[in-house]
C-alpha atoms as a PDB file:
ATOM      1  CA  UNK A   1     100.954 147.383  49.926  1.00  0.00           C
ATOM      2  CA  UNK A   2      97.862 148.981  51.766  1.00  0.00           C
ATOM      3  CA  UNK A   3      97.620 152.197  54.636  1.00  0.00           C
ATOM      4  CA  UNK A   4     101.370 150.978  55.290  1.00  0.00           C
ATOM      5  CA  UNK A   5     102.406 152.103  51.457  1.00  0.00           C
ATOM      6  CA  UNK A   6     100.401 155.024  51.366  1.00  0.00           C
ATOM      7  CA  UNK A   7     102.439 156.260  54.519  1.00  0.00           C
ATOM      8  CA  UNK A   8     105.328 155.265  53.256  1.00  0.00           C
ATOM      9  CA  UNK A   9     104.938 157.434  49.475  1.00  0.00           C
ATOM     10  CA  UNK A  10     104.223 160.402  51.652  1.00  0.00           C
ATOM     11  CA  UNK A  11     106.725 160.111  54.350  1.00  0.00           C
ATOM     12  CA  UNK A  12     109.488 159.137  51.871  1.00  0.00           C
ATOM     13  CA  UNK A  13     108.609 161.402  49.065  1.00  0.00           C
ATOM     14  CA  UNK A  14     109.806 165.609  50.759  1.00  0.00           C
ATOM     15  CA  UNK A  15     113.668 165.240  51.143  1.00  0.00           C
ATOM     16  CA  UNK A  16     116.905 163.734  51.670  1.00  0.00           C
ATOM     17  CA  UNK A  17     116.796 165.142  55.584  1.00  0.00           C
ATOM     18  CA  UNK A  18     113.920 162.229  55.597  1.00  0.00           C
ATOM     19  CA  UNK A  19     116.568 159.643  54.543  1.00  0.00           C
ATOM     20  CA  UNK A  20     118.984 161.846  57.637  1.00  0.00           C
ATOM     21  CA  UNK A  21     115.935 161.515  60.234  1.00  0.00           C
ATOM     22  CA  UNK A  22     115.567 157.786  59.523  1.00  0.00           C
ATOM     23  CA  UNK A  23     118.893 156.666  60.086  1.00  0.00           C
ATOM     24  CA  UNK A  24     118.533 159.170  63.368  1.00  0.00           C
ATOM     25  CA  UNK A  25     116.037 157.507  64.168  1.00  0.00           C
ATOM     26  CA  UNK A  26     117.230 154.138  64.647  1.00  0.00           C
ATOM     27  CA  UNK A  27     120.627 155.354  66.191  1.00  0.00           C
ATOM     28  CA  UNK A  28     118.565 157.523  68.865  1.00  0.00           C
ATOM     29  CA  UNK A  29     116.273 154.597  70.010  1.00  0.00           C
ATOM     30  CA  UNK A  30     114.031 153.437  66.979  1.00  0.00           C
ATOM     31  CA  UNK A  31     111.994 150.322  67.177  1.00  0.00           C
ATOM     32  CA  UNK A  32     113.515 147.196  67.830  1.00  0.00           C
ATOM     33  CA  UNK A  33     110.707 144.611  66.670  1.00  0.00           C
ATOM     34  CA  UNK A  34     110.938 141.279  68.159  1.00  0.00           C
ATOM     35  CA  UNK A  35     109.684 138.479  66.339  1.00  0.00           C
ATOM     36  CA  UNK A  36     108.647 135.313  68.032  1.00  0.00           C
ATOM     37  CA  UNK A  37     108.689 132.879  65.054  1.00  0.00           C
ATOM     38  CA  UNK A  38     109.472 128.750  64.086  1.00  0.00           C
ATOM     39  CA  UNK A  39     105.863 128.167  63.805  1.00  0.00           C
ATOM     40  CA  UNK A  40     106.351 127.221  61.155  1.00  0.00           C
ATOM     41  CA  UNK A  41     109.983 128.307  59.531  1.00  0.00           C
ATOM     42  CA  UNK A  42     107.992 128.763  55.905  1.00  0.00           C
ATOM     43  CA  UNK A  43     105.529 130.914  58.049  1.00  0.00           C
ATOM     44  CA  UNK A  44     107.941 132.701  59.543  1.00  0.00           C
ATOM     45  CA  UNK A  45     110.448 133.736  56.722  1.00  0.00           C
ATOM     46  CA  UNK A  46     107.046 134.473  54.732  1.00  0.00           C
ATOM     47  CA  UNK A  47     105.979 136.848  57.221  1.00  0.00           C
ATOM     48  CA  UNK A  48     109.724 138.558  57.075  1.00  0.00           C
ATOM     49  CA  UNK A  49     109.717 139.128  53.452  1.00  0.00           C
ATOM     50  CA  UNK A  50     106.451 140.789  53.322  1.00  0.00           C
ATOM     51  CA  UNK A  51     107.962 143.157  56.044  1.00  0.00           C
ATOM     52  CA  UNK A  52     110.941 143.955  53.751  1.00  0.00           C
ATOM     53  CA  UNK A  53     108.547 144.597  50.819  1.00  0.00           C
ATOM     54  CA  UNK A  54     105.699 147.198  53.199  1.00  0.00           C
ATOM     55  CA  UNK A  55     108.999 148.979  53.779  1.00  0.00           C
ATOM     56  CA  UNK A  56     110.091 152.233  52.063  1.00  0.00           C
ATOM     57  CA  UNK A  57     113.804 151.652  52.375  1.00  0.00           C
ATOM     58  CA  UNK A  58     116.215 153.000  49.324  1.00  0.00           C
ATOM     59  CA  UNK A  59     119.355 151.073  51.429  1.00  0.00           C
ATOM     60  CA  UNK A  60     120.198 148.323  53.839  1.00  0.00           C
ATOM     61  CA  UNK A  61     120.662 151.448  57.231  1.00  0.00           C
ATOM     62  CA  UNK A  62     116.726 152.786  56.017  1.00  0.00           C
ATOM     63  CA  UNK A  63     115.453 148.847  56.307  1.00  0.00           C
ATOM     64  CA  UNK A  64     112.909 147.966  59.743  1.00  0.00           C
ATOM     65  CA  UNK A  65     115.209 146.850  62.477  1.00  0.00           C
ATOM     66  CA  UNK A  66     114.338 143.424  63.520  1.00  0.00           C
ATOM     67  CA  UNK A  67     115.327 140.495  65.822  1.00  0.00           C
ATOM     68  CA  UNK A  68     113.545 137.127  65.272  1.00  0.00           C
ATOM     69  CA  UNK A  69     113.428 133.449  67.300  1.00  0.00           C
ATOM     70  CA  UNK A  70     112.891 131.050  65.726  1.00  0.00           C
ATOM     71  CA  UNK A  71     112.067 128.044  67.919  1.00  0.00           C
ATOM     72  CA  UNK A  72     110.926 124.847  65.462  1.00  0.00           C
ATOM     73  CA  UNK A  73     110.792 123.080  68.587  1.00  0.00           C
ATOM     74  CA  UNK A  74     108.038 124.548  69.818  1.00  0.00           C
ATOM     75  CA  UNK A  75     104.893 122.033  70.694  1.00  0.00           C
ATOM     76  CA  UNK A  76     102.110 121.503  67.546  1.00  0.00           C
ATOM     77  CA  UNK A  77      99.645 124.653  68.698  1.00  0.00           C
ATOM     78  CA  UNK A  78      96.930 122.891  67.051  1.00  0.00           C
ATOM     79  CA  UNK A  79      97.249 119.251  68.565  1.00  0.00           C
ATOM     80  CA  UNK A  80      97.296 121.456  71.874  1.00  0.00           C
ATOM     81  CA  UNK A  81      94.054 123.119  71.522  1.00  0.00           C
ATOM     82  CA  UNK A  82      92.447 119.910  70.786  1.00  0.00           C
ATOM     83  CA  UNK A  83      94.240 116.885  73.259  1.00  0.00           C
ATOM     84  CA  UNK A  84      94.306 118.820  76.909  1.00  0.00           C
ATOM     85  CA  UNK A  85      97.174 115.590  77.328  1.00  0.00           C
ATOM     86  CA  UNK A  86      99.804 116.773  74.706  1.00  0.00           C
ATOM     87  CA  UNK A  87     102.602 119.230  75.133  1.00  0.00           C
ATOM     88  CA  UNK A  88     101.587 122.517  75.628  1.00  0.00           C
ATOM     89  CA  UNK A  89     103.709 125.208  73.696  1.00  0.00           C
ATOM     90  CA  UNK A  90     103.463 127.793  76.056  1.00  0.00           C
ATOM     91  CA  UNK A  91     106.258 127.398  77.594  1.00  0.00           C
ATOM     92  CA  UNK A  92     108.840 127.737  74.464  1.00  0.00           C
ATOM     93  CA  UNK A  93     106.884 130.272  73.533  1.00  0.00           C
ATOM     94  CA  UNK A  94     107.120 132.431  76.768  1.00  0.00           C
ATOM     95  CA  UNK A  95     110.906 131.339  76.657  1.00  0.00           C
ATOM     96  CA  UNK A  96     111.005 133.006  73.182  1.00  0.00           C
ATOM     97  CA  UNK A  97     109.036 136.436  74.644  1.00  0.00           C
ATOM     98  CA  UNK A  98     111.246 136.953  77.211  1.00  0.00           C
ATOM     99  CA  UNK A  99     114.203 136.485  74.709  1.00  0.00           C
ATOM    100  CA  UNK A 100     113.459 138.795  72.398  1.00  0.00           C
ATOM    101  CA  UNK A 101     112.509 141.414  75.279  1.00  0.00           C
ATOM    102  CA  UNK A 102     116.336 140.723  76.475  1.00  0.00           C
ATOM    103  CA  UNK A 103     117.988 141.140  72.730  1.00  0.00           C
ATOM    104  CA  UNK A 104     116.422 144.690  72.756  1.00  0.00           C
ATOM    105  CA  UNK A 105     112.658 144.380  70.837  1.00  0.00           C
ATOM    106  CA  UNK A 106     110.472 147.123  71.625  1.00  0.00           C
ATOM    107  CA  UNK A 107     107.859 145.167  69.889  1.00  0.00           C
ATOM    108  CA  UNK A 108     106.331 141.986  69.283  1.00  0.00           C
ATOM    109  CA  UNK A 109     105.009 140.193  66.068  1.00  0.00           C
ATOM    110  CA  UNK A 110     103.443 136.472  66.252  1.00  0.00           C
ATOM    111  CA  UNK A 111     103.479 135.301  62.510  1.00  0.00           C
ATOM    112  CA  UNK A 112     101.166 132.098  64.203  1.00  0.00           C
ATOM    113  CA  UNK A 113      97.533 132.724  64.404  1.00  0.00           C
ATOM    114  CA  UNK A 114      96.751 129.444  66.331  1.00  0.00           C
ATOM    115  CA  UNK A 115      99.509 130.527  69.193  1.00  0.00           C
ATOM    116  CA  UNK A 116      97.800 133.711  69.650  1.00  0.00           C
ATOM    117  CA  UNK A 117      95.383 131.416  71.817  1.00  0.00           C
ATOM    118  CA  UNK A 118      97.590 131.785  74.357  1.00  0.00           C
ATOM    119  CA  UNK A 119      98.252 135.620  73.789  1.00  0.00           C
ATOM    120  CA  UNK A 120      97.058 136.757  77.429  1.00  0.00           C
ATOM    121  CA  UNK A 121      99.656 134.642  78.627  1.00  0.00           C
ATOM    122  CA  UNK A 122     102.170 135.644  76.325  1.00  0.00           C
ATOM    123  CA  UNK A 123     101.281 139.603  77.021  1.00  0.00           C
ATOM    124  CA  UNK A 124     101.530 138.912  80.743  1.00  0.00           C
ATOM    125  CA  UNK A 125     105.214 136.710  80.432  1.00  0.00           C
ATOM    126  CA  UNK A 126     106.819 140.142  78.670  1.00  0.00           C
ATOM    127  CA  UNK A 127     106.855 144.284  79.470  1.00  0.00           C
ATOM    128  CA  UNK A 128     106.505 145.113  76.131  1.00  0.00           C
ATOM    129  CA  UNK A 129     103.385 145.074  73.531  1.00  0.00           C
ATOM    130  CA  UNK A 130     102.621 141.832  71.791  1.00  0.00           C
ATOM    131  CA  UNK A 131     100.637 142.718  68.203  1.00  0.00           C
ATOM    132  CA  UNK A 132      97.697 141.037  68.147  1.00  0.00           C
ATOM    133  CA  UNK A 133      97.319 139.161  64.853  1.00  0.00           C
ATOM    134  CA  UNK A 134      93.997 137.575  64.673  1.00  0.00           C
ATOM    135  CA  UNK A 135      92.212 141.161  66.189  1.00  0.00           C
ATOM    136  CA  UNK A 136      93.989 143.328  63.432  1.00  0.00           C
ATOM    137  CA  UNK A 137      93.090 140.781  60.717  1.00  0.00           C
ATOM    138  CA  UNK A 138      89.548 140.701  62.225  1.00  0.00           C
ATOM    139  CA  UNK A 139      89.546 144.756  61.904  1.00  0.00           C
ATOM    140  CA  UNK A 140      90.648 145.043  58.905  1.00  0.00           C
ATOM    141  CA  UNK A 141      88.160 142.441  56.937  1.00  0.00           C
ATOM    142  CA  UNK A 142      85.372 144.649  59.251  1.00  0.00           C
ATOM    143  CA  UNK A 143      86.238 147.813  57.385  1.00  0.00           C
ATOM    144  CA  UNK A 144      86.099 146.466  54.050  1.00  0.00           C
ATOM    145  CA  UNK A 145      82.419 144.559  55.126  1.00  0.00           C
ATOM    146  CA  UNK A 146      79.089 145.373  55.779  1.00  0.00           C
ATOM    147  CA  UNK A 147      77.560 144.313  58.939  1.00  0.00           C
ATOM    148  CA  UNK A 148      76.057 140.999  58.598  1.00  0.00           C
ATOM    149  CA  UNK A 149      78.006 139.500  55.672  1.00  0.00           C
ATOM    150  CA  UNK A 150      79.622 136.397  55.510  1.00  0.00           C
ATOM    151  CA  UNK A 151      83.483 135.635  56.370  1.00  0.00           C
ATOM    152  CA  UNK A 152      84.768 132.013  55.536  1.00  0.00           C
ATOM    153  CA  UNK A 153      88.024 131.225  57.254  1.00  0.00           C
ATOM    154  CA  UNK A 154      90.239 129.049  56.503  1.00  0.00           C
ATOM    155  CA  UNK A 155      92.203 127.790  58.981  1.00  0.00           C
ATOM    156  CA  UNK A 156      93.783 124.145  61.226  1.00  0.00           C
ATOM    157  CA  UNK A 157      91.344 122.231  63.289  1.00  0.00           C
ATOM    158  CA  UNK A 158      92.940 123.868  66.370  1.00  0.00           C
ATOM    159  CA  UNK A 159      92.827 127.185  65.510  1.00  0.00           C
ATOM    160  CA  UNK A 160      88.901 126.528  64.143  1.00  0.00           C
ATOM    161  CA  UNK A 161      88.329 124.949  67.852  1.00  0.00           C
ATOM    162  CA  UNK A 162      88.935 127.978  70.082  1.00  0.00           C
ATOM    163  CA  UNK A 163      87.007 130.056  67.608  1.00  0.00           C
ATOM    164  CA  UNK A 164      89.461 132.432  67.510  1.00  0.00           C
ATOM    165  CA  UNK A 165      88.341 134.667  64.553  1.00  0.00           C
ATOM    166  CA  UNK A 166      84.885 133.773  64.818  1.00  0.00           C
ATOM    167  CA  UNK A 167      85.043 135.511  68.579  1.00  0.00           C
ATOM    168  CA  UNK A 168      86.625 139.018  66.944  1.00  0.00           C
ATOM    169  CA  UNK A 169      84.033 138.992  63.695  1.00  0.00           C
ATOM    170  CA  UNK A 170      81.411 137.861  65.679  1.00  0.00           C
ATOM    171  CA  UNK A 171      81.889 141.107  68.266  1.00  0.00           C
ATOM    172  CA  UNK A 172      82.796 143.084  64.965  1.00  0.00           C
ATOM    173  CA  UNK A 173      78.747 142.588  63.033  1.00  0.00           C
ATOM    174  CA  UNK A 174      80.340 139.633  61.009  1.00  0.00           C
ATOM    175  CA  UNK A 175      79.184 136.491  60.849  1.00  0.00           C
ATOM    176  CA  UNK A 176      82.069 133.952  60.515  1.00  0.00           C
ATOM    177  CA  UNK A 177      81.838 131.036  57.815  1.00  0.00           C
ATOM    178  CA  UNK A 178      83.718 127.684  58.692  1.00  0.00           C
ATOM    179  CA  UNK A 179      84.839 124.759  55.769  1.00  0.00           C
ATOM    180  CA  UNK A 180      82.718 122.050  55.961  1.00  0.00           C
ATOM    181  CA  UNK A 181      83.652 119.570  59.012  1.00  0.00           C
ATOM    182  CA  UNK A 182      84.745 116.565  56.554  1.00  0.00           C
ATOM    183  CA  UNK A 183      86.919 119.526  54.952  1.00  0.00           C
ATOM    184  CA  UNK A 184      89.390 120.322  58.431  1.00  0.00           C
ATOM    185  CA  UNK A 185      91.036 117.364  57.961  1.00  0.00           C
ATOM    186  CA  UNK A 186      92.348 118.603  54.014  1.00  0.00           C
ATOM    187  CA  UNK A 187      93.254 121.817  55.911  1.00  0.00           C
ATOM    188  CA  UNK A 188      95.323 120.450  57.935  1.00  0.00           C
ATOM    189  CA  UNK A 189      97.553 118.709  54.817  1.00  0.00           C
ATOM    190  CA  UNK A 190      97.269 121.903  53.495  1.00  0.00           C
ATOM    191  CA  UNK A 191      99.053 123.080  56.142  1.00  0.00           C
ATOM    192  CA  UNK A 192     101.170 120.175  56.317  1.00  0.00           C
ATOM    193  CA  UNK A 193     102.528 120.680  52.810  1.00  0.00           C
ATOM    194  CA  UNK A 194     103.655 123.747  53.208  1.00  0.00           C
ATOM    195  CA  UNK A 195     105.562 123.184  56.085  1.00  0.00           C
ATOM    196  CA  UNK A 196     107.378 120.375  54.324  1.00  0.00           C
ATOM    197  CA  UNK A 197     108.202 123.049  51.927  1.00  0.00           C
ATOM    198  CA  UNK A 198     105.814 121.562  48.966  1.00  0.00           C
ATOM    199  CA  UNK A 199     102.869 124.532  48.967  1.00  0.00           C
ATOM    200  CA  UNK A 200     102.760 124.117  45.117  1.00  0.00           C
ATOM    201  CA  UNK A 201     101.124 120.498  45.784  1.00  0.00           C
ATOM    202  CA  UNK A 202      97.886 121.587  47.976  1.00  0.00           C
ATOM    203  CA  UNK A 203      97.181 124.924  45.727  1.00  0.00           C
ATOM    204  CA  UNK A 204      94.777 122.547  43.993  1.00  0.00           C
ATOM    205  CA  UNK A 205      93.199 121.755  47.281  1.00  0.00           C
ATOM    206  CA  UNK A 206      93.076 125.117  49.125  1.00  0.00           C
ATOM    207  CA  UNK A 207      91.696 126.505  45.729  1.00  0.00           C
ATOM    208  CA  UNK A 208      88.650 124.098  46.034  1.00  0.00           C
ATOM    209  CA  UNK A 209      88.075 124.522  49.694  1.00  0.00           C
ATOM    210  CA  UNK A 210      88.118 127.983  49.522  1.00  0.00           C
ATOM    211  CA  UNK A 211      85.569 128.272  46.346  1.00  0.00           C
ATOM    212  CA  UNK A 212      83.265 125.991  48.579  1.00  0.00           C
ATOM    213  CA  UNK A 213      82.956 128.445  51.215  1.00  0.00           C
ATOM    214  CA  UNK A 214      82.392 131.567  48.570  1.00  0.00           C
ATOM    215  CA  UNK A 215      79.376 129.220  46.617  1.00  0.00           C
ATOM    216  CA  UNK A 216      78.133 129.079  50.222  1.00  0.00           C
ATOM    217  CA  UNK A 217      77.876 133.027  50.876  1.00  0.00           C
ATOM    218  CA  UNK A 218      81.237 134.263  52.461  1.00  0.00           C
ATOM    219  CA  UNK A 219      81.811 137.615  50.764  1.00  0.00           C
ATOM    220  CA  UNK A 220      85.450 137.904  51.836  1.00  0.00           C
ATOM    221  CA  UNK A 221      88.221 135.010  53.468  1.00  0.00           C
ATOM    222  CA  UNK A 222      90.196 134.808  55.977  1.00  0.00           C
ATOM    223  CA  UNK A 223      93.811 132.476  55.354  1.00  0.00           C
ATOM    224  CA  UNK A 224      93.751 132.264  59.198  1.00  0.00           C
ATOM    225  CA  UNK A 225      96.583 130.203  59.294  1.00  0.00           C
ATOM    226  CA  UNK A 226     100.410 131.366  58.508  1.00  0.00           C
ATOM    227  CA  UNK A 227     101.395 128.944  56.203  1.00  0.00           C
ATOM    228  CA  UNK A 228      97.653 129.656  53.890  1.00  0.00           C
ATOM    229  CA  UNK A 229      99.283 132.590  52.047  1.00  0.00           C
ATOM    230  CA  UNK A 230     102.130 130.947  51.077  1.00  0.00           C
ATOM    231  CA  UNK A 231     100.194 128.477  49.498  1.00  0.00           C
ATOM    232  CA  UNK A 232      97.376 131.064  48.385  1.00  0.00           C
ATOM    233  CA  UNK A 233     100.116 132.319  46.290  1.00  0.00           C
ATOM    234  CA  UNK A 234     100.180 129.034  43.919  1.00  0.00           C
ATOM    235  CA  UNK A 235      96.357 130.196  43.560  1.00  0.00           C
ATOM    236  CA  UNK A 236      96.842 133.116  42.633  1.00  0.00           C
ATOM    237  CA  UNK A 237      98.944 132.572  39.916  1.00  0.00           C
ATOM    238  CA  UNK A 238      96.627 130.150  38.347  1.00  0.00           C
ATOM    239  CA  UNK A 239      93.737 133.142  38.999  1.00  0.00           C
ATOM    240  CA  UNK A 240      93.711 136.672  38.084  1.00  0.00           C
ATOM    241  CA  UNK A 241      90.373 137.208  40.329  1.00  0.00           C
ATOM    242  CA  UNK A 242      88.595 134.396  42.832  1.00  0.00           C
ATOM    243  CA  UNK A 243      85.647 137.138  43.104  1.00  0.00           C
ATOM    244  CA  UNK A 244      86.112 137.853  46.955  1.00  0.00           C
ATOM    245  CA  UNK A 245      88.246 139.330  49.017  1.00  0.00           C
ATOM    246  CA  UNK A 246      91.577 136.948  49.955  1.00  0.00           C
ATOM    247  CA  UNK A 247      92.944 138.283  53.700  1.00  0.00           C
ATOM    248  CA  UNK A 248      95.819 137.921  53.887  1.00  0.00           C
ATOM    249  CA  UNK A 249      96.402 138.409  57.921  1.00  0.00           C
ATOM    250  CA  UNK A 250     100.614 137.657  58.127  1.00  0.00           C
ATOM    251  CA  UNK A 251     101.047 140.751  55.412  1.00  0.00           C
ATOM    252  CA  UNK A 252      98.133 143.009  57.600  1.00  0.00           C
ATOM    253  CA  UNK A 253     100.803 141.954  60.260  1.00  0.00           C
ATOM    254  CA  UNK A 254     104.200 143.153  58.729  1.00  0.00           C
ATOM    255  CA  UNK A 255     102.518 145.978  57.523  1.00  0.00           C
ATOM    256  CA  UNK A 256     101.293 147.294  61.188  1.00  0.00           C
ATOM    257  CA  UNK A 257     105.058 146.229  61.640  1.00  0.00           C
ATOM    258  CA  UNK A 258     106.164 149.301  59.054  1.00  0.00           C
ATOM    259  CA  UNK A 259     103.760 151.613  60.624  1.00  0.00           C
ATOM    260  CA  UNK A 260     104.495 151.376  63.992  1.00  0.00           C
ATOM    261  CA  UNK A 261     108.200 152.244  62.253  1.00  0.00           C
ATOM    262  CA  UNK A 262     107.277 154.609  59.885  1.00  0.00           C
ATOM    263  CA  UNK A 263     105.096 156.298  62.939  1.00  0.00           C
ATOM    264  CA  UNK A 264     108.149 156.719  65.044  1.00  0.00           C
ATOM    265  CA  UNK A 265     110.587 157.745  62.190  1.00  0.00           C
ATOM    266  CA  UNK A 266     108.393 160.391  61.297  1.00  0.00           C
ATOM    267  CA  UNK A 267     108.253 161.481  64.831  1.00  0.00           C
ATOM    268  CA  UNK A 268     111.971 161.817  64.876  1.00  0.00           C
ATOM    269  CA  UNK A 269     111.868 163.445  60.738  1.00  0.00           C
ATOM    270  CA  UNK A 270     109.801 166.386  63.143  1.00  0.00           C
ATOM    271  CA  UNK A 271     112.782 166.868  65.696  1.00  0.00           C
ATOM    272  CA  UNK A 272     115.701 166.108  63.171  1.00  0.00           C
ATOM    273  CA  UNK A 273     114.070 169.594  61.571  1.00  0.00           C
ATOM    274  CA  UNK A 274     113.473 171.597  64.783  1.00  0.00           C
ATOM    275  CA  UNK A 275     116.849 170.896  65.414  1.00  0.00           C
ATOM    276  CA  UNK A 276     118.100 171.901  61.585  1.00  0.00           C
ATOM    277  CA  UNK A 277     115.883 175.218  62.473  1.00  0.00           C
ATOM    278  CA  UNK A 278     117.930 176.136  65.726  1.00  0.00           C
END
């Protein structure tokens, strides 16, 4: 599980005082993760599962505390970006962010790439930090690739039209590579299949489009819609090695939430050690 896994091993590997410190940290105001979900529900559950999987917990009490606001009635983000006459998802997302803050969240994660089109407005609507999923994923990609490398982007038409990943990757010295125009509707259909709990049926289409990006020179591919990692799970089950890295921003966001929580627990652990030394 990357950095979170490494941090987890070093953090939890010392002695029983660690576990006691973790519980003490939560009792004394540890971080509560707020999850702005429902965009869509399947992707939200996938994010929560990945956050749980990245957490080095041995008991219920050692898991990362989180509260989820899942509103599947948020208008379609991709449609809103492409059609200025379509209902805006922003008001309902702002309601969700504010509800999470009132519920006690100290940090907000949004497991929806397209929603980050409104990232600035959402951060302005709350006094607590909001993680930038697109920026986190782009930095992770850039850390492992040479300057000027081609990065394939699989995403909805709205995300691609907004150039969410293209702008971040270009700023980091990488070259974004989009699917062929005649493939964009097919990607949207893959996303729709996942939303309808039919992810497995769309795996072949997703694999084909990803392979086309690879053949065009992509050195890595970003799954720039949170439904796509759910579908890619079925692709990965069929092939042992796709040949180039497949980047899952959902996992990156989940691991960052855990990393930040572990950092707080380390500080609390140090404080607990100081208390026992007195």
